[in-house]
Amino acid sequence: MMAMQNGKRRSDRILDASYLEGLDGLDEERLRAMREECEEEEGVLSYERSLIHSRLSILEAEQARRADGGPSKSLIDRLPEILAGQGPTTHRGSFPKLEAPAIYETPRRRVEKLVNDDTLARLPELPDEELRSIIDTLEATESEVSAARHSIQVVLDRLIEELGRRLAPRT
């Protein structure tokens, strides 16, 4: 959901029906560039989902603490325990990219607009309704991001399929 070109976000361009038109007429270099663009966008969306999941875990842990009537320990003290339950990240059967794209700043800012550090710092004082509202907003955003990521993966799969078709030995 980054990188504007001609007034369109990169994800919008990738998801436009015209993006995959005429694949058989494109050279391998162009197909590879399109694949890399999709992989990068999918990586950005995965990163954004991870940020959302981390914040959801923190907020849901606070919600559970309140429901159980547990003591109000500092977030810093509870953070390792909260985030330990998130599990490993998964990849779509491809090798994960080891370098982070420079465009990761945008999803971080988007998530911080939903739940900023000040909100986390005053988490024990947040009214239950506000806490629930923030969780609802994050869950809705996570659904949006997941749907966009899935759609990008469909396009990416089509590009990989086309490249594979070209590279497959002919019999």
C-alpha atoms as a PDB file:
ATOM      1  CA  MET A   1       0.000   0.000   0.000  1.00  0.00           C
ATOM      2  CA  MET A   2       2.964   2.149  -0.794  1.00  0.00           C
ATOM      3  CA  ALA A   3       4.895   3.792  -3.585  1.00  0.00           C
ATOM      4  CA  MET A   4       2.815   6.191  -5.606  1.00  0.00           C
ATOM      5  CA  GLN A   5       3.231   6.283  -9.354  1.00  0.00           C
ATOM      6  CA  ASN A   6       1.012   8.443 -11.547  1.00  0.00           C
ATOM      7  CA  GLY A   7      -1.231   9.109  -8.547  1.00  0.00           C
ATOM      8  CA  LYS A   8      -1.831   5.410  -7.822  1.00  0.00           C
ATOM      9  CA  ARG A   9      -0.522   3.362  -4.937  1.00  0.00           C
ATOM     10  CA  ARG A  10       1.635   0.439  -5.989  1.00  0.00           C
ATOM     11  CA  SER A  11      -0.866  -2.067  -4.618  1.00  0.00           C
ATOM     12  CA  ASP A  12      -3.646  -0.415  -6.659  1.00  0.00           C
ATOM     13  CA  ARG A  13      -1.563  -0.723  -9.823  1.00  0.00           C
ATOM     14  CA  ILE A  14      -0.732  -4.368  -9.105  1.00  0.00           C
ATOM     15  CA  LEU A  15      -4.352  -5.225  -8.388  1.00  0.00           C
ATOM     16  CA  ASP A  16      -5.693  -3.417 -11.454  1.00  0.00           C
ATOM     17  CA  ALA A  17      -6.894  -5.957 -14.051  1.00  0.00           C
ATOM     18  CA  SER A  18      -4.613  -4.394 -16.661  1.00  0.00           C
ATOM     19  CA  TYR A  19      -1.475  -5.322 -14.669  1.00  0.00           C
ATOM     20  CA  LEU A  20      -1.577  -8.939 -15.865  1.00  0.00           C
ATOM     21  CA  GLU A  21      -2.827  -8.216 -19.388  1.00  0.00           C
ATOM     22  CA  GLY A  22      -0.571  -9.410 -22.170  1.00  0.00           C
ATOM     23  CA  LEU A  23       1.814 -11.403 -19.965  1.00  0.00           C
ATOM     24  CA  ASP A  24       2.717 -13.695 -22.843  1.00  0.00           C
ATOM     25  CA  GLY A  25       3.992 -10.662 -24.792  1.00  0.00           C
ATOM     26  CA  LEU A  26       6.326  -9.430 -22.042  1.00  0.00           C
ATOM     27  CA  ASP A  27       9.998 -10.332 -21.930  1.00  0.00           C
ATOM     28  CA  GLU A  28      11.423 -12.247 -18.974  1.00  0.00           C
ATOM     29  CA  GLU A  29      13.166  -9.169 -17.606  1.00  0.00           C
ATOM     30  CA  ARG A  30       9.856  -7.301 -17.335  1.00  0.00           C
ATOM     31  CA  LEU A  31       8.153 -10.345 -15.777  1.00  0.00           C
ATOM     32  CA  ARG A  32      10.929 -10.623 -13.197  1.00  0.00           C
ATOM     33  CA  ALA A  33      10.636  -6.916 -12.380  1.00  0.00           C
ATOM     34  CA  MET A  34       6.879  -7.307 -11.920  1.00  0.00           C
ATOM     35  CA  ARG A  35       7.449 -10.368  -9.719  1.00  0.00           C
ATOM     36  CA  GLU A  36       9.928  -8.422  -7.575  1.00  0.00           C
ATOM     37  CA  GLU A  37       7.477  -5.545  -7.282  1.00  0.00           C
ATOM     38  CA  CYS A  38       4.757  -7.944  -6.098  1.00  0.00           C
ATOM     39  CA  GLU A  39       7.125  -9.674  -3.682  1.00  0.00           C
ATOM     40  CA  GLU A  40       8.120  -6.347  -2.190  1.00  0.00           C
ATOM     41  CA  GLU A  41       4.510  -5.223  -1.814  1.00  0.00           C
ATOM     42  CA  GLU A  42       3.584  -8.563  -0.257  1.00  0.00           C
ATOM     43  CA  GLY A  43       6.497  -8.124   2.150  1.00  0.00           C
ATOM     44  CA  VAL A  44       5.338  -4.638   3.110  1.00  0.00           C
ATOM     45  CA  LEU A  45       1.820  -5.925   3.773  1.00  0.00           C
ATOM     46  CA  SER A  46       3.233  -8.820   5.812  1.00  0.00           C
ATOM     47  CA  TYR A  47       5.245  -6.341   7.852  1.00  0.00           C
ATOM     48  CA  GLU A  48       2.156  -4.212   8.439  1.00  0.00           C
ATOM     49  CA  ARG A  49       0.219  -7.298   9.570  1.00  0.00           C
ATOM     50  CA  SER A  50       3.010  -8.148  12.009  1.00  0.00           C
ATOM     51  CA  LEU A  51       2.861  -4.661  13.491  1.00  0.00           C
ATOM     52  CA  ILE A  52      -0.912  -4.919  13.837  1.00  0.00           C
ATOM     53  CA  HIS A  53      -0.686  -8.383  15.406  1.00  0.00           C
ATOM     54  CA  SER A  54       1.880  -7.151  17.934  1.00  0.00           C
ATOM     55  CA  ARG A  55      -0.326  -4.272  19.006  1.00  0.00           C
ATOM     56  CA  LEU A  56      -3.386  -6.506  19.101  1.00  0.00           C
ATOM     57  CA  SER A  57      -1.513  -8.935  21.344  1.00  0.00           C
ATOM     58  CA  ILE A  58      -0.617  -6.120  23.723  1.00  0.00           C
ATOM     59  CA  LEU A  59      -4.163  -4.746  23.847  1.00  0.00           C
ATOM     60  CA  GLU A  60      -5.764  -8.176  24.198  1.00  0.00           C
ATOM     61  CA  ALA A  61      -3.356  -9.044  27.011  1.00  0.00           C
ATOM     62  CA  GLU A  62      -4.473  -5.894  28.824  1.00  0.00           C
ATOM     63  CA  GLN A  63      -8.093  -6.817  28.208  1.00  0.00           C
ATOM     64  CA  ALA A  64      -7.463 -10.326  29.624  1.00  0.00           C
ATOM     65  CA  ARG A  65      -5.609  -8.877  32.643  1.00  0.00           C
ATOM     66  CA  ARG A  66      -8.619  -6.712  33.412  1.00  0.00           C
ATOM     67  CA  ALA A  67     -11.046  -9.623  33.014  1.00  0.00           C
ATOM     68  CA  ASP A  68      -8.945 -11.778  35.365  1.00  0.00           C
ATOM     69  CA  GLY A  69      -8.530  -8.940  37.858  1.00  0.00           C
ATOM     70  CA  GLY A  70      -4.754  -9.317  37.693  1.00  0.00           C
ATOM     71  CA  PRO A  71      -2.320  -6.749  39.072  1.00  0.00           C
ATOM     72  CA  SER A  72      -1.357  -3.843  36.866  1.00  0.00           C
ATOM     73  CA  LYS A  73       2.270  -4.603  35.983  1.00  0.00           C
ATOM     74  CA  SER A  74       4.059  -2.259  33.618  1.00  0.00           C
ATOM     75  CA  LEU A  75       3.823  -2.966  29.938  1.00  0.00           C
ATOM     76  CA  ILE A  76       7.610  -3.162  29.739  1.00  0.00           C
ATOM     77  CA  ASP A  77       7.599  -5.968  32.330  1.00  0.00           C
ATOM     78  CA  ARG A  78       4.832  -7.864  30.512  1.00  0.00           C
ATOM     79  CA  LEU A  79       6.019  -7.337  26.938  1.00  0.00           C
ATOM     80  CA  PRO A  80       8.270 -10.420  26.573  1.00  0.00           C
ATOM     81  CA  GLU A  81       5.450 -12.646  27.855  1.00  0.00           C
ATOM     82  CA  ILE A  82       2.840 -10.988  25.627  1.00  0.00           C
ATOM     83  CA  LEU A  83       4.851 -11.131  22.430  1.00  0.00           C
ATOM     84  CA  ALA A  84       6.253 -14.624  23.040  1.00  0.00           C
ATOM     85  CA  GLY A  85       2.902 -16.161  22.128  1.00  0.00           C
ATOM     86  CA  GLN A  86       2.842 -14.730  18.610  1.00  0.00           C
ATOM     87  CA  GLY A  87       4.665 -17.677  17.053  1.00  0.00           C
ATOM     88  CA  PRO A  88       7.046 -17.699  14.114  1.00  0.00           C
ATOM     89  CA  THR A  89       6.374 -15.844  10.909  1.00  0.00           C
ATOM     90  CA  THR A  90       5.635 -17.919   7.854  1.00  0.00           C
ATOM     91  CA  HIS A  91       6.506 -17.512   4.215  1.00  0.00           C
ATOM     92  CA  ARG A  92       4.755 -18.760   1.119  1.00  0.00           C
ATOM     93  CA  GLY A  93       7.296 -21.476   0.360  1.00  0.00           C
ATOM     94  CA  SER A  94       9.842 -18.982  -0.884  1.00  0.00           C
ATOM     95  CA  PHE A  95      13.001 -17.859   0.807  1.00  0.00           C
ATOM     96  CA  PRO A  96      12.353 -14.813   2.980  1.00  0.00           C
ATOM     97  CA  LYS A  97      14.084 -11.619   1.908  1.00  0.00           C
ATOM     98  CA  LEU A  98      16.792 -10.737   4.384  1.00  0.00           C
ATOM     99  CA  GLU A  99      16.936  -7.045   3.588  1.00  0.00           C
ATOM    100  CA  ALA A 100      14.108  -4.743   4.574  1.00  0.00           C
ATOM    101  CA  PRO A 101      12.709  -2.479   1.865  1.00  0.00           C
ATOM    102  CA  ALA A 102      13.072   1.206   2.624  1.00  0.00           C
ATOM    103  CA  ILE A 103       9.323   1.644   2.274  1.00  0.00           C
ATOM    104  CA  TYR A 104       8.564  -0.023   5.615  1.00  0.00           C
ATOM    105  CA  GLU A 105       8.232   3.429   7.174  1.00  0.00           C
ATOM    106  CA  THR A 106       4.752   3.948   5.724  1.00  0.00           C
ATOM    107  CA  PRO A 107       3.039   0.883   7.259  1.00  0.00           C
ATOM    108  CA  ARG A 108       4.718   1.624  10.591  1.00  0.00           C
ATOM    109  CA  ARG A 109       3.288   5.151  10.548  1.00  0.00           C
ATOM    110  CA  ARG A 110      -0.156   3.849   9.537  1.00  0.00           C
ATOM    111  CA  VAL A 111      -0.255   1.413  12.453  1.00  0.00           C
ATOM    112  CA  GLU A 112       1.086   4.035  14.862  1.00  0.00           C
ATOM    113  CA  LYS A 113      -1.820   6.293  13.868  1.00  0.00           C
ATOM    114  CA  LEU A 114      -4.166   3.544  15.061  1.00  0.00           C
ATOM    115  CA  VAL A 115      -2.257   2.791  18.282  1.00  0.00           C
ATOM    116  CA  ASN A 116       0.570   5.133  19.136  1.00  0.00           C
ATOM    117  CA  ASP A 117       3.146   4.878  21.902  1.00  0.00           C
ATOM    118  CA  ASP A 118       1.196   7.310  24.092  1.00  0.00           C
ATOM    119  CA  THR A 119      -1.827   5.009  23.955  1.00  0.00           C
ATOM    120  CA  LEU A 120       0.334   2.055  24.967  1.00  0.00           C
ATOM    121  CA  ALA A 121       1.932   4.072  27.766  1.00  0.00           C
ATOM    122  CA  ARG A 122      -1.469   4.864  29.279  1.00  0.00           C
ATOM    123  CA  LEU A 123      -2.937   1.428  28.604  1.00  0.00           C
ATOM    124  CA  PRO A 124      -3.890   0.662  32.233  1.00  0.00           C
ATOM    125  CA  GLU A 125      -5.867   3.932  32.419  1.00  0.00           C
ATOM    126  CA  LEU A 126      -7.789   3.494  29.155  1.00  0.00           C
ATOM    127  CA  PRO A 127     -11.510   2.996  29.671  1.00  0.00           C
ATOM    128  CA  ASP A 128     -12.744  -0.483  28.680  1.00  0.00           C
ATOM    129  CA  GLU A 129     -14.854   0.965  25.856  1.00  0.00           C
ATOM    130  CA  GLU A 130     -11.888   2.786  24.341  1.00  0.00           C
ATOM    131  CA  LEU A 131      -9.738  -0.326  24.600  1.00  0.00           C
ATOM    132  CA  ARG A 132     -12.460  -2.379  22.847  1.00  0.00           C
ATOM    133  CA  SER A 133     -12.839   0.290  20.164  1.00  0.00           C
ATOM    134  CA  ILE A 134      -9.099   0.296  19.418  1.00  0.00           C
ATOM    135  CA  ILE A 135      -9.072  -3.511  19.234  1.00  0.00           C
ATOM    136  CA  ASP A 136     -12.048  -3.450  16.853  1.00  0.00           C
ATOM    137  CA  THR A 137     -10.300  -0.900  14.632  1.00  0.00           C
ATOM    138  CA  LEU A 138      -7.085  -2.935  14.569  1.00  0.00           C
ATOM    139  CA  GLU A 139      -8.992  -6.127  13.756  1.00  0.00           C
ATOM    140  CA  ALA A 140     -10.787  -4.417  10.865  1.00  0.00           C
ATOM    141  CA  THR A 141      -7.503  -3.006   9.575  1.00  0.00           C
ATOM    142  CA  GLU A 142      -5.858  -6.418   9.862  1.00  0.00           C
ATOM    143  CA  SER A 143      -8.666  -7.912   7.766  1.00  0.00           C
ATOM    144  CA  GLU A 144      -8.149  -5.223   5.107  1.00  0.00           C
ATOM    145  CA  VAL A 145      -4.404  -5.731   5.026  1.00  0.00           C
ATOM    146  CA  SER A 146      -4.785  -9.526   4.920  1.00  0.00           C
ATOM    147  CA  ALA A 147      -7.232  -9.312   2.016  1.00  0.00           C
ATOM    148  CA  ALA A 148      -4.896  -6.989   0.097  1.00  0.00           C
ATOM    149  CA  ARG A 149      -1.951  -9.283   0.804  1.00  0.00           C
ATOM    150  CA  HIS A 150      -3.891 -12.300  -0.426  1.00  0.00           C
ATOM    151  CA  SER A 151      -4.844 -10.453  -3.620  1.00  0.00           C
ATOM    152  CA  ILE A 152      -1.210  -9.491  -4.215  1.00  0.00           C
ATOM    153  CA  GLN A 153      -0.249 -13.143  -3.685  1.00  0.00           C
ATOM    154  CA  VAL A 154      -2.721 -14.202  -6.395  1.00  0.00           C
ATOM    155  CA  VAL A 155      -1.055 -11.809  -8.861  1.00  0.00           C
ATOM    156  CA  LEU A 156       2.378 -12.951  -7.721  1.00  0.00           C
ATOM    157  CA  ASP A 157       1.404 -16.592  -8.232  1.00  0.00           C
ATOM    158  CA  ARG A 158       0.286 -15.789 -11.788  1.00  0.00           C
ATOM    159  CA  LEU A 159       3.638 -14.127 -12.551  1.00  0.00           C
ATOM    160  CA  ILE A 160       5.569 -17.050 -11.078  1.00  0.00           C
ATOM    161  CA  GLU A 161       3.425 -19.438 -13.095  1.00  0.00           C
ATOM    162  CA  GLU A 162       4.200 -17.530 -16.315  1.00  0.00           C
ATOM    163  CA  LEU A 163       7.917 -17.460 -15.577  1.00  0.00           C
ATOM    164  CA  GLY A 164       7.829 -21.181 -14.758  1.00  0.00           C
ATOM    165  CA  ARG A 165       5.984 -21.936 -17.972  1.00  0.00           C
ATOM    166  CA  ARG A 166       8.695 -20.167 -19.958  1.00  0.00           C
ATOM    167  CA  LEU A 167      11.520 -21.867 -18.135  1.00  0.00           C
ATOM    168  CA  ALA A 168      10.022 -25.363 -18.211  1.00  0.00           C
ATOM    169  CA  PRO A 169      11.758 -27.718 -20.652  1.00  0.00           C
ATOM    170  CA  ARG A 170       9.755 -28.255 -23.798  1.00  0.00           C
ATOM    171  CA  THR A 171       9.153 -31.845 -24.855  1.00  0.00           C
END
